[in-house]
Amino acid sequence: MADIIRMPLLSDTMTEGTVVAWHKKVGDQVEAGETLFEVETDKAVMEQDSYYTGTLLYIGVKEGESVPIDAVMAVIGEPGEDYKAILEAALAETPGAAPQPAGEPATEAAPAPSPPVSAPAAPSAAPTPVAAPSGGRIKASPLAKSMAEKEGIDLAQVAGTGDDGRIVKKDIEAFLSTRTAVAAPKAAPMQVAAATAMDEDIPLSQMRKTIARRLSESKFGAPHFYLTISIDMAKAMETRKRINEIAPQKISYNDLVIKSAAAALRQHPAINSSWLGDIIRKNGNINIGVAVAVDEGLLVPVVRNADAKTLSQINGEVRELAGKAKERKLSGDEMQGNTFTISNLGMFGIEEFTAIINPPDACIMAVGTITEEPVVKDGEIAVGHRMKVTLSCDHRVVDGATGAQFLQTFKSIMEDPIRMIV
């Protein structure tokens, strides 16, 4: 009997997934444990292995399309097996899904067409537009649907050039071009038409959707307040230089920030707390989330027990996690359990900024770049090196004095780095 493959739940916050790539095509043999497809969740791109052995009879979701958890993805069974009844039953059971006729799957095995008897072979040509069926289901990509809705276009009037007459982006652009040409008034003699650029609507990735939802909930649900302090970085710069003369790998300023923050958190457990709705949890472990920018947003891998690790250990771990983040290869465990978060934009030359709290943390610290400034030392003006950090606090958990005391401790450690190991 054929087996139904559904969209799996791959993270605790996942509500839908986007198919990035299929590793098998209809008609291929699939072994249990083989990678069947890749799916983009709200946190990463993950490979999904097959639980079954057999022939891939049907693919119901094309690459680039998004479907909710438990949606029908594919059917695996015996070659030539009639799977239509089990597919229709599975589609009918899927919550919130419109049942798709078994006779119109996204991809299924089809008999090979008979070759022409007398017609000579022709060179390959551009896809022939296929008119939308009258009264039938109109096939269109999500981007094409979005563009059509924005421009007020009836998809039934658009000829599709995609697979099986599917309407894609270029078909909407061609329709708009034709409509503009027909509707435009005749230009006056010698008048030159101004060139216009086509707007581009970019569908939201699962990551961007989740970032938007979580940060909106945080910003408008948690009462933020902000505390900024300026730190003299002279000793930190000298300490880093001396450490890097003997360290097996170069220590960064961010490593010093993480280690110093972890040491300060040990002295101020209220800052290392989480808001959990009906309770405030003072976390025993100090697990620092490190914000990493990727193409589609922001990922926050976690350095666990940062207060107990050396600078070299923190450096190696951050490098490894950041590399995984940029490749979207982080596991769920590597992005969970944070008790405090650091966002550092100093490498981009940003002097000062505020960050939105990363739930369920009570605080997040925004770190700016090191700048040269005139400072007064021993009654004389000299060149100093300063760094500003801003602590965003959830006022439900942290009061102003508590946040200020933490920053004072953090500042004292950064200005005398030997204290971070005492």
Protein backbone atom coordinates (compact mmCIF):
# COMPACT_ATOMS: atom_id res chain seq x y z
CA MET A 1 0.00 0.00 0.00
CA ALA A 2 1.29 3.47 -0.91
CA ASP A 3 2.60 5.75 1.84
CA ILE A 4 1.82 9.47 2.18
CA ILE A 5 4.71 11.87 2.89
CA ARG A 6 3.67 15.00 4.80
CA MET A 7 5.34 18.29 5.72
CA PRO A 8 7.11 17.52 9.03
CA LEU A 9 7.30 19.69 12.14
CA LEU A 10 11.02 20.55 12.30
CA SER A 11 11.07 23.21 15.03
CA ASP A 12 8.92 24.24 17.94
CA THR A 13 7.94 27.52 16.25
CA MET A 14 7.42 26.18 12.71
CA THR A 15 3.94 26.64 11.21
CA GLU A 16 4.73 26.05 7.53
CA GLY A 17 7.66 25.09 5.35
CA THR A 18 8.99 26.05 1.91
CA VAL A 19 10.40 23.37 -0.37
CA VAL A 20 13.92 24.40 -1.37
CA ALA A 21 14.81 21.38 -3.50
CA TRP A 22 13.69 17.85 -4.29
CA HIS A 23 16.48 15.28 -4.32
CA LYS A 24 14.32 12.74 -6.14
CA LYS A 25 11.95 12.99 -9.10
CA VAL A 26 8.80 11.05 -9.89
CA GLY A 27 9.68 7.53 -10.95
CA ASP A 28 12.90 7.36 -8.91
CA GLN A 29 13.57 4.57 -6.45
CA VAL A 30 13.77 5.83 -2.85
CA GLU A 31 15.44 4.00 0.03
CA ALA A 32 14.52 4.57 3.67
CA GLY A 33 17.04 7.03 5.12
CA GLU A 34 17.77 8.73 1.79
CA THR A 35 17.31 12.50 1.59
CA LEU A 36 14.02 13.16 -0.18
CA PHE A 37 13.77 16.97 -0.11
CA GLU A 38 15.09 20.10 1.58
CA VAL A 39 12.70 22.38 3.44
CA GLU A 40 13.18 25.93 4.71
CA THR A 41 11.73 26.45 8.17
CA ASP A 42 11.58 29.62 10.22
CA LYS A 43 15.12 28.90 11.48
CA ALA A 44 17.11 26.91 8.94
CA VAL A 45 17.16 24.85 5.76
CA MET A 46 16.93 21.19 6.72
CA GLU A 47 17.14 17.92 4.82
CA GLN A 48 14.23 15.53 5.23
CA ASP A 49 14.91 11.83 4.85
CA SER A 50 12.41 9.28 3.63
CA TYR A 51 10.94 6.89 6.15
CA TYR A 52 9.89 4.49 3.39
CA THR A 53 11.40 2.42 0.60
CA GLY A 54 9.70 2.37 -2.79
CA THR A 55 9.10 4.39 -5.93
CA LEU A 56 8.29 8.11 -5.79
CA LEU A 57 4.87 8.14 -7.46
CA TYR A 58 3.73 11.71 -6.85
CA ILE A 59 5.08 15.12 -5.82
CA GLY A 60 2.43 17.53 -4.57
CA VAL A 61 4.51 20.63 -3.74
CA LYS A 62 6.88 22.27 -6.20
CA GLU A 63 10.19 23.87 -5.32
CA GLY A 64 9.67 27.37 -3.95
CA GLU A 65 6.13 26.69 -2.73
CA SER A 66 5.10 26.91 0.94
CA VAL A 67 2.63 24.62 2.69
CA PRO A 68 1.48 24.24 6.31
CA ILE A 69 2.59 21.53 8.69
CA ASP A 70 1.13 18.10 7.84
CA ALA A 71 0.34 19.05 4.22
CA VAL A 72 0.70 16.25 1.66
CA MET A 73 4.15 16.37 0.06
CA ALA A 74 4.50 13.16 -1.89
CA VAL A 75 3.46 9.52 -2.32
CA ILE A 76 5.82 6.53 -2.24
CA GLY A 77 4.67 3.07 -3.28
CA GLU A 78 5.14 0.25 -5.75
CA PRO A 79 5.79 1.02 -9.44
CA GLY A 80 2.46 1.45 -11.27
CA GLU A 81 0.44 1.32 -8.05
CA ASP A 82 -2.93 3.10 -8.07
CA TYR A 83 -2.56 5.69 -5.31
CA LYS A 84 -5.38 8.08 -6.28
CA ALA A 85 -7.86 6.97 -3.61
CA ILE A 86 -5.36 7.17 -0.73
CA LEU A 87 -4.15 10.56 -2.01
CA GLU A 88 -7.66 12.01 -2.16
CA ALA A 89 -8.35 10.75 1.36
CA ALA A 90 -5.10 12.28 2.65
CA LEU A 91 -5.83 15.64 1.01
CA ALA A 92 -9.32 15.67 2.50
CA GLU A 93 -7.88 15.02 5.98
CA THR A 94 -5.34 17.86 5.82
CA PRO A 95 -6.58 20.77 8.00
CA GLY A 96 -7.03 24.01 6.08
CA ALA A 97 -5.93 22.50 2.78
CA ALA A 98 -8.03 22.67 -0.36
CA PRO A 99 -8.41 19.11 -1.64
CA GLN A 100 -6.52 18.73 -4.92
CA PRO A 101 -8.03 16.33 -7.46
CA ALA A 102 -5.93 13.24 -7.75
CA GLY A 103 -6.05 13.64 -11.52
CA GLU A 104 -4.26 17.02 -11.31
CA PRO A 105 -1.19 16.51 -9.12
CA ALA A 106 1.70 18.95 -9.18
CA THR A 107 3.93 16.19 -10.54
CA GLU A 108 3.12 12.59 -11.30
CA ALA A 109 4.30 9.83 -13.57
CA ALA A 110 2.77 10.10 -17.05
CA PRO A 111 2.93 7.85 -20.10
CA ALA A 112 5.49 8.90 -22.68
CA PRO A 113 3.89 10.67 -25.69
CA SER A 114 3.92 8.89 -29.03
CA PRO A 115 6.57 10.28 -31.41
CA PRO A 116 5.34 12.06 -34.58
CA VAL A 117 5.13 9.80 -37.62
CA SER A 118 6.12 12.16 -40.40
CA ALA A 119 6.82 15.56 -38.89
CA PRO A 120 10.54 16.42 -38.96
CA ALA A 121 12.28 17.26 -35.71
CA ALA A 122 12.17 20.98 -34.93
CA PRO A 123 14.70 22.99 -32.96
CA SER A 124 13.74 23.77 -29.38
CA ALA A 125 11.73 26.99 -29.04
CA ALA A 126 10.42 29.21 -26.29
CA PRO A 127 7.50 27.77 -24.29
CA THR A 128 4.15 28.24 -25.98
CA PRO A 129 1.71 30.23 -23.85
CA VAL A 130 -1.25 28.18 -22.70
CA ALA A 131 -4.56 29.95 -22.11
CA ALA A 132 -6.18 29.44 -18.74
CA PRO A 133 -8.95 26.79 -18.87
CA SER A 134 -12.46 28.21 -18.81
CA GLY A 135 -13.99 27.60 -15.40
CA GLY A 136 -11.05 25.39 -14.35
CA ARG A 137 -8.37 25.77 -11.71
CA ILE A 138 -5.84 28.44 -12.67
CA LYS A 139 -2.26 27.43 -11.94
CA ALA A 140 0.04 30.29 -10.92
CA SER A 141 3.15 30.74 -8.79
CA PRO A 142 2.78 32.58 -5.44
CA LEU A 143 4.75 35.55 -6.83
CA ALA A 144 2.57 35.72 -9.94
CA LYS A 145 -0.58 35.67 -7.79
CA SER A 146 0.78 38.46 -5.62
CA MET A 147 1.68 40.60 -8.64
CA ALA A 148 -1.72 40.01 -10.22
CA GLU A 149 -3.55 40.98 -7.04
CA LYS A 150 -1.49 44.16 -6.70
CA GLU A 151 -2.13 45.22 -10.32
CA GLY A 152 -5.78 44.16 -10.37
CA ILE A 153 -5.22 41.53 -13.05
CA ASP A 154 -7.68 38.71 -13.69
CA LEU A 155 -5.47 35.62 -13.96
CA ALA A 156 -7.97 34.07 -16.35
CA GLN A 157 -6.86 36.65 -18.93
CA VAL A 158 -3.19 35.71 -18.65
CA ALA A 159 -1.57 33.01 -20.77
CA GLY A 160 0.90 30.91 -18.80
CA THR A 161 4.24 29.70 -20.15
CA GLY A 162 5.23 27.57 -17.15
CA ASP A 163 4.77 23.82 -16.74
CA ASP A 164 1.25 22.77 -17.79
CA GLY A 165 0.32 26.40 -18.51
CA ARG A 166 1.30 27.62 -15.05
CA ILE A 167 1.42 31.41 -14.82
CA VAL A 168 4.79 32.74 -13.67
CA LYS A 169 6.32 36.18 -13.04
CA LYS A 170 7.34 36.86 -16.64
CA ASP A 171 3.78 36.17 -17.82
CA ILE A 172 2.43 38.90 -15.53
CA GLU A 173 5.15 41.28 -16.71
CA ALA A 174 4.31 40.52 -20.36
CA PHE A 175 0.59 41.11 -19.69
CA LEU A 176 1.35 44.43 -17.96
CA SER A 177 3.55 45.50 -20.86
CA THR A 178 0.81 44.72 -23.38
CA ARG A 179 -1.85 46.45 -21.29
CA THR A 180 0.30 49.57 -20.91
CA ALA A 181 1.01 49.71 -24.64
CA VAL A 182 -2.69 49.49 -25.51
CA ALA A 183 -3.82 52.01 -22.91
CA ALA A 184 -1.09 54.62 -23.42
CA PRO A 185 -2.20 57.75 -25.33
CA LYS A 186 -0.34 58.67 -28.50
CA ALA A 187 2.67 60.81 -27.61
CA ALA A 188 3.08 64.30 -28.95
CA PRO A 189 5.69 64.75 -31.68
CA MET A 190 9.30 64.74 -30.43
CA GLN A 191 8.14 63.68 -26.93
CA VAL A 192 10.42 61.13 -25.27
CA ALA A 193 8.71 58.70 -22.88
CA ALA A 194 10.31 58.45 -19.47
CA ALA A 195 11.68 55.01 -18.57
CA THR A 196 9.98 53.31 -15.63
CA ALA A 197 11.37 50.54 -13.46
CA MET A 198 9.30 47.48 -12.65
CA ASP A 199 8.53 46.98 -8.96
CA GLU A 200 9.51 43.61 -7.54
CA ASP A 201 7.44 41.84 -4.92
CA ILE A 202 9.54 39.40 -2.92
CA PRO A 203 7.65 36.60 -1.15
CA LEU A 204 8.45 36.32 2.56
CA SER A 205 10.74 33.48 3.57
CA GLN A 206 9.83 31.38 6.59
CA MET A 207 12.69 33.04 8.49
CA ARG A 208 11.53 36.56 7.66
CA LYS A 209 7.95 35.73 8.68
CA THR A 210 9.12 34.43 12.03
CA ILE A 211 11.46 37.38 12.63
CA ALA A 212 8.60 39.78 11.89
CA ARG A 213 6.21 37.95 14.20
CA ARG A 214 8.57 37.42 17.14
CA LEU A 215 10.10 40.89 17.13
CA SER A 216 6.68 42.52 16.77
CA GLU A 217 5.48 40.53 19.77
CA SER A 218 8.60 41.53 21.70
CA LYS A 219 8.63 45.22 20.80
CA PHE A 220 4.93 45.83 21.36
CA GLY A 221 4.40 43.24 24.10
CA ALA A 222 7.42 43.87 26.33
CA PRO A 223 7.86 47.40 27.76
CA HIS A 224 11.39 48.25 26.61
CA PHE A 225 13.67 50.81 28.21
CA TYR A 226 17.26 51.56 27.27
CA LEU A 227 20.49 52.27 29.19
CA THR A 228 23.67 53.42 27.43
CA ILE A 229 27.19 53.55 28.84
CA SER A 230 30.57 54.53 27.35
CA ILE A 231 33.58 52.32 28.03
CA ASP A 232 37.28 53.20 27.95
CA MET A 233 38.77 50.48 25.74
CA ALA A 234 42.48 51.29 26.24
CA LYS A 235 43.24 48.32 28.54
CA ALA A 236 41.00 45.97 26.54
CA MET A 237 42.91 46.84 23.37
CA GLU A 238 46.26 46.26 25.08
CA THR A 239 45.05 43.01 26.67
CA ARG A 240 43.77 41.71 23.34
CA LYS A 241 47.09 42.52 21.70
CA ARG A 242 49.03 40.62 24.36
CA ILE A 243 46.63 37.64 24.28
CA ASN A 244 46.92 37.37 20.50
CA GLU A 245 50.70 37.12 20.77
CA ILE A 246 50.29 33.70 22.41
CA ALA A 247 46.74 32.58 21.55
CA PRO A 248 46.36 29.68 19.08
CA GLN A 249 43.71 31.74 17.23
CA LYS A 250 43.09 35.47 17.13
CA ILE A 251 40.74 36.69 19.86
CA SER A 252 38.21 39.31 18.74
CA TYR A 253 36.73 42.22 20.66
CA ASN A 254 33.41 40.38 20.47
CA ASP A 255 34.97 37.47 22.37
CA LEU A 256 36.02 39.90 25.12
CA VAL A 257 32.48 41.34 25.20
CA ILE A 258 30.90 37.88 25.52
CA LYS A 259 33.29 36.78 28.27
CA SER A 260 32.92 40.06 30.19
CA ALA A 261 29.11 39.99 29.87
CA ALA A 262 29.05 36.42 31.15
CA ALA A 263 31.17 37.40 34.17
CA ALA A 264 28.89 40.37 34.89
CA LEU A 265 25.75 38.22 34.54
CA ARG A 266 27.07 35.88 37.22
CA GLN A 267 27.08 38.86 39.60
CA HIS A 268 23.65 40.13 38.46
CA PRO A 269 21.32 37.11 38.07
CA ALA A 270 18.25 39.34 37.60
CA ILE A 271 19.62 40.33 34.17
CA ASN A 272 20.10 36.65 33.30
CA SER A 273 16.36 36.07 33.64
CA SER A 274 13.48 35.05 31.36
CA TRP A 275 9.91 36.27 31.19
CA LEU A 276 7.68 33.17 30.95
CA GLY A 277 4.24 34.74 31.24
CA ASP A 278 3.19 33.71 34.74
CA ILE A 279 6.69 33.43 36.24
CA ILE A 280 10.10 35.08 36.02
CA ARG A 281 12.88 32.51 35.82
CA LYS A 282 16.35 33.39 37.11
CA ASN A 283 18.45 31.10 34.97
CA GLY A 284 21.24 29.12 36.63
CA ASN A 285 23.25 28.70 33.43
CA ILE A 286 24.58 31.64 31.45
CA ASN A 287 23.82 30.93 27.80
CA ILE A 288 24.57 33.90 25.56
CA GLY A 289 22.85 34.26 22.19
CA VAL A 290 25.04 35.90 19.56
CA ALA A 291 23.11 37.64 16.78
CA VAL A 292 24.44 36.68 13.33
CA ALA A 293 23.32 38.49 10.17
CA VAL A 294 22.44 36.25 7.22
CA ASP A 295 21.03 37.10 3.79
CA GLU A 296 17.40 36.69 4.82
CA GLY A 297 17.51 38.12 8.33
CA LEU A 298 19.02 37.26 11.67
CA LEU A 299 19.89 34.01 13.44
CA VAL A 300 20.90 33.74 17.09
CA PRO A 301 23.09 30.72 17.87
CA VAL A 302 23.81 30.16 21.56
CA VAL A 303 27.15 29.90 23.42
CA ARG A 304 26.26 27.77 26.44
CA ASN A 305 27.87 28.25 29.85
CA ALA A 306 29.86 31.17 28.48
CA ASP A 307 31.11 32.17 31.94
CA ALA A 308 32.92 28.84 32.31
CA LYS A 309 34.69 28.97 28.93
CA THR A 310 38.03 30.48 27.98
CA LEU A 311 38.34 33.21 25.38
CA SER A 312 39.78 30.69 22.91
CA GLN A 313 36.85 28.34 23.48
CA ILE A 314 34.36 31.16 22.99
CA ASN A 315 36.16 32.29 19.83
CA GLY A 316 36.16 28.81 18.30
CA GLU A 317 32.53 28.19 19.17
CA VAL A 318 31.32 31.54 17.81
CA ARG A 319 33.26 31.00 14.57
CA GLU A 320 31.73 27.56 14.10
CA LEU A 321 28.19 28.68 14.93
CA ALA A 322 28.43 31.79 12.73
CA GLY A 323 29.62 29.65 9.81
CA LYS A 324 26.70 27.27 10.26
CA ALA A 325 24.31 30.21 10.52
CA LYS A 326 25.44 31.70 7.20
CA GLU A 327 24.98 28.30 5.55
CA ARG A 328 21.60 27.80 7.27
CA LYS A 329 22.91 24.58 8.82
CA LEU A 330 22.26 25.32 12.51
CA SER A 331 20.38 22.67 14.44
CA GLY A 332 17.41 23.50 16.63
CA ASP A 333 19.45 22.85 19.80
CA GLU A 334 22.10 25.35 18.71
CA MET A 335 19.48 28.14 18.60
CA GLN A 336 17.61 27.42 21.84
CA GLY A 337 18.18 28.02 25.53
CA ASN A 338 19.55 31.58 25.39
CA THR A 339 19.34 33.57 28.64
CA PHE A 340 20.92 36.82 27.38
CA THR A 341 21.68 38.12 23.87
CA ILE A 342 24.42 40.30 22.37
CA SER A 343 24.06 42.15 19.06
CA ASN A 344 27.32 43.67 17.79
CA LEU A 345 27.36 46.06 14.83
CA GLY A 346 30.75 47.52 15.63
CA MET A 347 32.34 45.81 12.63
CA PHE A 348 30.04 47.90 10.40
CA GLY A 349 31.18 51.18 11.96
CA ILE A 350 27.93 51.71 13.89
CA GLU A 351 28.72 53.81 16.96
CA GLU A 352 25.49 53.32 18.91
CA PHE A 353 22.11 51.62 18.44
CA THR A 354 19.28 49.93 20.32
CA ALA A 355 18.21 46.32 19.83
CA ILE A 356 14.86 44.58 20.30
CA ILE A 357 14.80 41.99 23.09
CA ASN A 358 15.07 38.38 21.95
CA PRO A 359 12.29 36.50 23.83
CA PRO A 360 12.21 35.03 26.41
CA ASP A 361 15.35 36.97 27.51
CA ALA A 362 14.88 39.91 29.83
CA CYS A 363 17.68 41.92 28.17
CA ILE A 364 19.73 42.32 25.01
CA MET A 365 22.96 44.33 24.73
CA ALA A 366 23.78 46.33 21.60
CA VAL A 367 27.51 46.90 21.03
CA GLY A 368 28.93 49.69 18.88
CA THR A 369 32.33 50.27 17.31
CA ILE A 370 35.45 51.59 19.06
CA THR A 371 35.95 55.28 18.24
CA GLU A 372 38.78 57.71 18.83
CA GLU A 373 37.67 60.62 20.98
CA PRO A 374 39.35 63.43 22.92
CA VAL A 375 39.41 62.55 26.62
CA VAL A 376 40.79 64.25 29.71
CA LYS A 377 43.55 62.31 31.50
CA ASP A 378 45.48 63.79 34.42
CA GLY A 379 44.17 67.24 33.56
CA GLU A 380 45.26 67.06 29.92
CA ILE A 381 43.39 66.32 26.69
CA ALA A 382 44.49 63.11 25.00
CA VAL A 383 43.22 60.68 22.36
CA GLY A 384 41.06 57.97 23.90
CA HIS A 385 39.30 54.90 22.55
CA ARG A 386 35.67 54.55 23.61
CA MET A 387 32.96 52.00 22.95
CA LYS A 388 29.26 52.52 23.64
CA VAL A 389 26.90 49.72 24.62
CA THR A 390 23.15 49.98 25.10
CA LEU A 391 21.19 47.57 27.26
CA SER A 392 17.55 47.03 26.23
CA CYS A 393 15.55 45.86 29.26
CA ASP A 394 12.11 44.32 29.70
CA HIS A 395 10.63 46.48 32.47
CA ARG A 396 8.42 43.57 33.57
CA VAL A 397 11.59 41.83 34.75
CA VAL A 398 14.34 44.43 35.17
CA ASP A 399 14.20 47.83 36.83
CA GLY A 400 16.38 50.80 35.88
CA ALA A 401 18.73 50.52 38.86
CA THR A 402 19.24 46.78 38.25
CA GLY A 403 20.16 47.35 34.62
CA ALA A 404 22.46 50.25 35.54
CA GLN A 405 24.32 48.15 38.13
CA PHE A 406 24.90 45.40 35.58
CA LEU A 407 26.33 47.92 33.09
CA GLN A 408 28.62 49.34 35.76
CA THR A 409 30.00 45.87 36.44
CA PHE A 410 30.35 45.12 32.72
CA LYS A 411 32.17 48.45 32.22
CA SER A 412 34.57 47.78 35.08
CA ILE A 413 35.47 44.36 33.65
CA MET A 414 36.01 45.67 30.10
CA GLU A 415 38.15 48.52 31.43
CA ASP A 416 40.25 46.07 33.49
CA PRO A 417 39.97 42.73 31.62
CA ILE A 418 41.97 40.77 34.20
CA ARG A 419 38.76 40.83 36.28
CA MET A 420 36.97 38.56 33.80
CA ILE A 421 39.10 35.60 34.91
CA VAL A 422 38.98 36.28 38.65
